[in-house]
Amino acid sequence: MKVLSLFDGISCGRLALERANLPAERYDAFEIDKYAIVVSKNNFPDIVQHGNVLDGDFRKFKGYDLLLGGSPCTYWSVAKKNRETSANGEGFRLFREYLRALEESECRYFLYENNDSIHRNIKEEISRSLGVSPIMINSALVSAQQRKRCYWTNIPNVTQPADKGVLLRDVLESGVPWQEKSYCMTASYNGAVIRNTLERSQRTMIAEPVTKPIRIGEYGKGGQGQRIYSVNGKSITLSALGGGQGAKTGLYKIDLPDGDYIIRKLTPIEAERLQTLPDNYTAGISSTQRYKCIGNGWTVDVIAHILGGLK
């Protein structure tokens, strides 16, 4: 299979093809983030990198089988003040590069991804442009991460994946990551408040599957990077941006063998597991850049599930 991938990031699409048992005869990527390209090359040296999509001549890829891509949602995100809500801004200009690639390359199949929270006007315009309606899949079905994403594709018979029932506690690293100051805050940090009653009540709710993060406390003013969650639920959505002690991963209460607990953010390996990446897939760049690359990436098992329709 010959694959063209736009906004390729760390090549989660290539990994998903392998998981779906669809060998890539050729995989051509467009990406501009130098750290993401390092990760991609470390894992798949045979990927051909082409740089910026704005400079792409996609006619060179005529006859390719599959076009992958998810243009940056930065301009459309609910986290962005004055986010774009129409097809006139920078966000849609980048999406049009995907459309141009699809038209020029004449790929037989396409898969386009973006955040479920983008404005309805933009969703409708994407659907009109691609000629298909999206399917929303929450990564929580295959992972311990709540991550709602829309997928537009002409791959046949795309359904919801089976729920694997994975919780955050299932992907935590063994050992002593709490000793790393970069991850951990003390239990009494700046007046952190843990709502133990919520934690206790959650443990009794065994009849219903857990499908979302369980917020059990906060410190400071309780901003996005100051909220504390239980490992008995899902993680919050990994992000490439954000500040605070729990920037990009959230903060979690981790019970220790001696009966005590600590509060910490997730490690890069745990973040990789939430995206169903192999451990240390993003090794070789700084932790800061690892979190960013992982947060910008795809949940590999969701993509592999969708690509399974090509068999």
Protein backbone atom coordinates (compact mmCIF):
# COMPACT_ATOMS: atom_id res chain seq x y z
CA MET A 1 0.00 0.00 0.00
CA LYS A 2 1.22 3.48 -0.91
CA VAL A 3 0.34 6.11 1.70
CA LEU A 4 0.49 9.90 1.72
CA SER A 5 0.28 11.46 5.20
CA LEU A 6 -0.24 15.19 5.81
CA PHE A 7 0.43 16.84 9.18
CA ASP A 8 2.08 13.52 9.92
CA GLY A 9 3.46 14.32 13.40
CA ILE A 10 5.19 11.28 14.87
CA SER A 11 3.82 8.91 12.20
CA CYS A 12 1.08 7.31 14.27
CA GLY A 13 -0.56 6.45 10.96
CA ARG A 14 2.37 4.28 9.94
CA LEU A 15 2.26 2.43 13.24
CA ALA A 16 -1.50 1.95 12.85
CA LEU A 17 -0.98 0.40 9.41
CA GLU A 18 1.36 -2.16 10.95
CA ARG A 19 -1.16 -2.95 13.70
CA ALA A 20 -3.84 -3.42 11.07
CA ASN A 21 -1.53 -5.78 9.13
CA LEU A 22 -1.43 -3.45 6.13
CA PRO A 23 2.20 -3.22 5.01
CA ALA A 24 3.21 0.17 3.60
CA GLU A 25 5.11 -0.23 0.36
CA ARG A 26 5.78 3.50 0.54
CA TYR A 27 4.89 6.13 3.16
CA ASP A 28 5.41 9.79 2.27
CA ALA A 29 4.97 12.38 5.01
CA PHE A 30 4.53 16.14 5.27
CA GLU A 31 5.53 17.57 8.65
CA ILE A 32 7.33 20.70 9.87
CA ASP A 33 7.91 20.05 13.60
CA LYS A 34 11.56 19.09 13.89
CA TYR A 35 11.06 17.07 17.08
CA ALA A 36 8.19 15.08 15.60
CA ILE A 37 10.34 14.33 12.56
CA VAL A 38 13.14 13.04 14.83
CA VAL A 39 10.69 10.63 16.48
CA SER A 40 9.34 9.53 13.10
CA LYS A 41 12.82 8.88 11.71
CA ASN A 42 13.93 7.03 14.84
CA ASN A 43 11.05 4.58 14.45
CA PHE A 44 10.65 4.46 10.67
CA PRO A 45 13.84 5.44 8.83
CA ASP A 46 12.25 4.56 5.48
CA ILE A 47 9.58 7.28 5.68
CA VAL A 48 10.19 9.98 3.07
CA GLN A 49 9.79 13.45 4.60
CA HIS A 50 8.66 16.32 2.35
CA GLY A 51 8.35 19.30 4.71
CA ASN A 52 5.56 21.88 4.61
CA VAL A 53 2.18 20.97 3.09
CA LEU A 54 1.92 24.51 1.72
CA ASP A 55 4.82 23.70 -0.60
CA GLY A 56 3.57 20.28 -1.65
CA ASP A 57 3.06 19.21 -5.25
CA PHE A 58 0.69 16.35 -4.60
CA ARG A 59 0.43 15.37 -8.24
CA LYS A 60 3.63 13.40 -7.63
CA PHE A 61 1.61 10.95 -5.57
CA LYS A 62 -0.98 9.98 -8.17
CA GLY A 63 -1.86 6.35 -7.88
CA TYR A 64 -1.39 6.24 -4.10
CA ASP A 65 -3.89 4.20 -2.14
CA LEU A 66 -4.51 6.19 1.04
CA LEU A 67 -4.41 9.82 2.19
CA LEU A 68 -4.10 10.37 5.95
CA GLY A 69 -4.22 13.63 7.84
CA GLY A 70 -5.54 15.76 10.64
CA SER A 71 -4.85 19.47 10.24
CA PRO A 72 -4.02 21.38 13.47
CA CYS A 73 -7.10 22.06 15.60
CA THR A 74 -5.41 24.99 17.36
CA TYR A 75 -7.55 27.59 15.61
CA TRP A 76 -10.79 25.66 16.22
CA SER A 77 -10.24 24.46 19.79
CA VAL A 78 -12.66 25.38 22.58
CA ALA A 79 -9.57 26.13 24.67
CA LYS A 80 -8.68 29.02 22.34
CA LYS A 81 -10.19 32.39 23.08
CA ASN A 82 -12.05 33.74 20.05
CA ARG A 83 -11.71 30.41 18.25
CA GLU A 84 -12.64 30.25 14.59
CA THR A 85 -16.20 29.14 13.95
CA SER A 86 -16.41 29.45 10.17
CA ALA A 87 -14.58 28.31 7.05
CA ASN A 88 -12.81 31.65 6.58
CA GLY A 89 -9.86 31.41 8.97
CA GLU A 90 -6.38 29.92 9.14
CA GLY A 91 -7.66 26.58 10.39
CA PHE A 92 -9.75 26.00 7.30
CA ARG A 93 -6.93 27.22 5.07
CA LEU A 94 -4.85 24.31 6.36
CA PHE A 95 -7.76 21.90 5.87
CA ARG A 96 -7.96 23.06 2.25
CA GLU A 97 -4.40 21.77 1.79
CA TYR A 98 -5.76 18.34 2.68
CA LEU A 99 -8.49 18.80 0.08
CA ARG A 100 -5.89 19.88 -2.48
CA ALA A 101 -3.81 16.79 -1.73
CA LEU A 102 -6.85 14.56 -2.13
CA GLU A 103 -7.73 16.16 -5.47
CA GLU A 104 -4.21 16.20 -6.89
CA SER A 105 -3.13 12.75 -5.69
CA GLU A 106 -6.44 11.04 -6.49
CA CYS A 107 -5.91 8.67 -3.57
CA ARG A 108 -8.51 5.92 -3.54
CA TYR A 109 -9.17 6.14 0.20
CA PHE A 110 -8.91 8.98 2.70
CA LEU A 111 -9.04 9.41 6.46
CA TYR A 112 -9.25 12.87 8.03
CA GLU A 113 -9.31 13.48 11.80
CA ASN A 114 -10.10 16.43 14.03
CA ASN A 115 -11.36 17.34 17.49
CA ASP A 116 -15.00 16.59 18.25
CA SER A 117 -15.29 19.98 19.98
CA ILE A 118 -14.80 22.07 16.82
CA HIS A 119 -17.74 24.28 15.92
CA ARG A 120 -20.72 22.70 14.18
CA ASN A 121 -20.32 25.10 11.23
CA ILE A 122 -16.82 23.80 10.59
CA LYS A 123 -17.85 20.16 10.96
CA GLU A 124 -20.61 20.69 8.42
CA GLU A 125 -18.26 22.38 5.96
CA ILE A 126 -15.69 19.58 6.29
CA SER A 127 -18.46 17.03 5.68
CA ARG A 128 -19.67 18.94 2.64
CA SER A 129 -16.14 19.22 1.26
CA LEU A 130 -15.29 15.53 1.73
CA GLY A 131 -18.72 14.18 0.86
CA VAL A 132 -19.04 12.05 4.00
CA SER A 133 -20.29 12.49 7.56
CA PRO A 134 -17.91 11.88 10.45
CA ILE A 135 -17.96 9.10 12.98
CA MET A 136 -17.06 10.19 16.51
CA ILE A 137 -14.90 7.69 18.37
CA ASN A 138 -13.77 8.15 21.96
CA SER A 139 -10.30 6.75 22.56
CA ALA A 140 -11.60 5.67 25.98
CA LEU A 141 -12.93 2.55 24.26
CA VAL A 142 -9.42 1.25 23.48
CA SER A 143 -7.34 3.21 25.98
CA ALA A 144 -7.40 4.74 29.45
CA GLN A 145 -7.76 8.22 27.94
CA GLN A 146 -10.92 10.19 27.26
CA ARG A 147 -10.30 11.63 23.80
CA LYS A 148 -13.25 12.38 21.54
CA ARG A 149 -12.30 12.73 17.90
CA CYS A 150 -14.22 12.89 14.63
CA TYR A 151 -13.11 10.82 11.66
CA TRP A 152 -14.16 11.50 8.08
CA THR A 153 -13.40 8.59 5.76
CA ASN A 154 -14.56 6.62 2.74
CA ILE A 155 -13.10 3.42 4.18
CA PRO A 156 -16.03 0.98 4.28
CA ASN A 157 -17.76 -0.46 7.32
CA VAL A 158 -16.26 1.74 10.04
CA THR A 159 -17.87 0.95 13.38
CA GLN A 160 -17.23 1.72 17.03
CA PRO A 161 -14.39 -0.38 18.49
CA ALA A 162 -15.11 -2.74 21.34
CA ASP A 163 -14.62 -1.35 24.84
CA LYS A 164 -11.44 -2.83 26.32
CA GLY A 165 -12.29 -1.51 29.79
CA VAL A 166 -8.84 -0.03 30.39
CA LEU A 167 -8.48 2.37 33.35
CA LEU A 168 -5.63 4.72 34.12
CA ARG A 169 -4.37 2.48 36.93
CA ASP A 170 -3.75 -0.21 34.28
CA VAL A 171 -1.15 1.86 32.41
CA LEU A 172 0.84 3.34 35.30
CA GLU A 173 4.56 2.64 35.31
CA SER A 174 5.82 0.27 37.95
CA GLY A 175 8.79 1.32 40.04
CA VAL A 176 9.21 4.71 41.69
CA PRO A 177 8.42 7.50 39.20
CA TRP A 178 7.07 9.55 42.13
CA GLN A 179 10.67 10.20 43.19
CA GLU A 180 11.21 12.31 40.08
CA LYS A 181 10.65 15.95 41.03
CA SER A 182 9.58 16.79 37.48
CA TYR A 183 6.49 14.60 37.91
CA CYS A 184 5.55 14.84 41.57
CA MET A 185 4.02 17.31 44.00
CA THR A 186 3.59 16.53 47.71
CA ALA A 187 0.20 15.57 49.09
CA SER A 188 0.01 18.85 50.99
CA TYR A 189 1.13 21.01 48.06
CA ASN A 190 -0.32 24.51 48.36
CA GLY A 191 -3.48 23.37 50.08
CA ALA A 192 -4.33 20.50 47.77
CA VAL A 193 -7.74 19.11 48.64
CA ILE A 194 -8.65 15.48 47.96
CA ARG A 195 -12.35 14.64 48.07
CA ASN A 196 -12.02 11.16 49.57
CA THR A 197 -15.81 10.76 49.71
CA LEU A 198 -15.93 10.87 45.91
CA GLU A 199 -13.16 8.30 45.65
CA ARG A 200 -14.98 5.97 48.05
CA SER A 201 -18.28 6.31 46.25
CA GLN A 202 -16.61 5.57 42.91
CA ARG A 203 -15.24 2.29 44.21
CA THR A 204 -18.79 1.11 44.90
CA MET A 205 -19.97 1.83 41.34
CA ILE A 206 -19.03 -1.55 39.92
CA ALA A 207 -22.18 -2.11 37.87
CA GLU A 208 -21.43 0.57 35.29
CA PRO A 209 -18.31 0.91 33.11
CA VAL A 210 -16.14 3.95 33.79
CA THR A 211 -16.03 6.09 30.67
CA LYS A 212 -14.58 9.41 31.81
CA PRO A 213 -12.10 11.04 34.21
CA ILE A 214 -13.07 11.15 37.88
CA ARG A 215 -12.15 14.51 39.38
CA ILE A 216 -11.45 14.15 43.10
CA GLY A 217 -9.75 17.39 44.09
CA GLU A 218 -7.67 20.40 43.20
CA TYR A 219 -5.09 22.79 44.54
CA GLY A 220 -4.81 26.55 44.18
CA LYS A 221 -7.71 27.91 42.16
CA GLY A 222 -8.44 24.59 40.52
CA GLY A 223 -7.43 25.61 37.01
CA GLN A 224 -6.98 23.08 34.22
CA GLY A 225 -3.43 22.19 35.32
CA GLN A 226 -4.42 22.13 39.02
CA ARG A 227 -7.19 19.54 38.99
CA ILE A 228 -6.62 16.15 40.58
CA TYR A 229 -8.14 12.95 39.20
CA SER A 230 -8.50 9.34 40.31
CA VAL A 231 -6.57 6.53 38.63
CA ASN A 232 -9.76 4.47 38.90
CA GLY A 233 -11.19 6.36 35.92
CA LYS A 234 -9.94 7.58 32.56
CA SER A 235 -7.28 10.22 32.09
CA ILE A 236 -8.17 13.61 30.76
CA THR A 237 -7.38 14.28 27.11
CA LEU A 238 -3.63 14.64 26.57
CA SER A 239 -2.73 18.06 25.24
CA ALA A 240 0.23 19.60 23.45
CA LEU A 241 -0.37 22.86 25.32
CA GLY A 242 -1.35 23.99 28.81
CA GLY A 243 0.36 25.04 32.02
CA GLY A 244 0.29 24.35 35.73
CA GLN A 245 1.71 21.47 37.72
CA GLY A 246 -0.31 18.98 35.70
CA ALA A 247 0.38 20.55 32.32
CA LYS A 248 -0.47 18.36 29.31
CA THR A 249 -1.42 15.24 31.31
CA GLY A 250 -3.39 16.28 34.40
CA LEU A 251 -2.63 15.41 38.05
CA TYR A 252 -3.47 12.06 39.61
CA LYS A 253 -3.61 10.61 43.13
CA ILE A 254 -1.36 7.55 43.26
CA ASP A 255 -1.71 5.21 46.23
CA LEU A 256 1.57 3.85 47.61
CA PRO A 257 2.21 0.38 49.10
CA ASP A 258 2.67 1.84 52.60
CA GLY A 259 -0.83 3.32 52.61
CA ASP A 260 0.27 6.87 51.81
CA TYR A 261 -0.25 8.56 48.46
CA ILE A 262 1.34 11.09 46.18
CA ILE A 263 -0.06 13.45 43.56
CA ARG A 264 1.77 13.64 40.27
CA LYS A 265 1.47 14.19 36.55
CA LEU A 266 1.91 11.29 34.16
CA THR A 267 5.29 10.22 32.86
CA PRO A 268 6.08 10.28 29.11
CA ILE A 269 5.79 6.49 28.98
CA GLU A 270 2.36 6.59 30.62
CA ALA A 271 1.31 9.27 28.12
CA GLU A 272 2.52 7.00 25.30
CA ARG A 273 0.44 4.15 26.68
CA LEU A 274 -2.64 6.40 26.69
CA GLN A 275 -2.12 6.90 22.95
CA THR A 276 -1.48 3.14 22.62
CA LEU A 277 2.09 3.83 21.49
CA PRO A 278 4.95 1.48 22.38
CA ASP A 279 6.91 2.38 25.49
CA ASN A 280 9.66 4.91 24.69
CA TYR A 281 8.36 5.45 21.16
CA THR A 282 9.17 9.16 21.61
CA ALA A 283 12.50 8.67 23.39
CA GLY A 284 15.41 10.72 22.08
CA ILE A 285 13.94 14.20 22.58
CA SER A 286 13.29 16.20 25.76
CA SER A 287 10.38 15.30 28.05
CA THR A 288 8.73 18.62 27.22
CA GLN A 289 8.79 17.82 23.52
CA ARG A 290 7.73 14.23 24.15
CA TYR A 291 4.55 15.42 25.89
CA LYS A 292 3.87 17.86 23.05
CA CYS A 293 4.38 15.28 20.31
CA ILE A 294 2.25 12.69 22.12
CA GLY A 295 -0.52 15.22 22.75
CA ASN A 296 -0.55 16.16 19.06
CA GLY A 297 -0.66 12.53 17.98
CA TRP A 298 -3.36 9.98 17.26
CA THR A 299 -4.55 7.09 19.40
CA VAL A 300 -2.96 4.35 17.32
CA ASP A 301 -5.43 1.58 18.11
CA VAL A 302 -8.38 3.75 17.00
CA ILE A 303 -6.69 4.40 13.64
CA ALA A 304 -5.79 0.73 13.26
CA HIS A 305 -9.43 -0.17 13.92
CA ILE A 306 -10.61 2.18 11.16
CA LEU A 307 -7.93 1.03 8.71
CA GLY A 308 -9.05 -2.55 9.31
CA GLY A 309 -11.85 -1.84 6.84
CA LEU A 310 -9.27 -1.87 4.02
CA LYS A 311 -8.51 -5.57 4.39
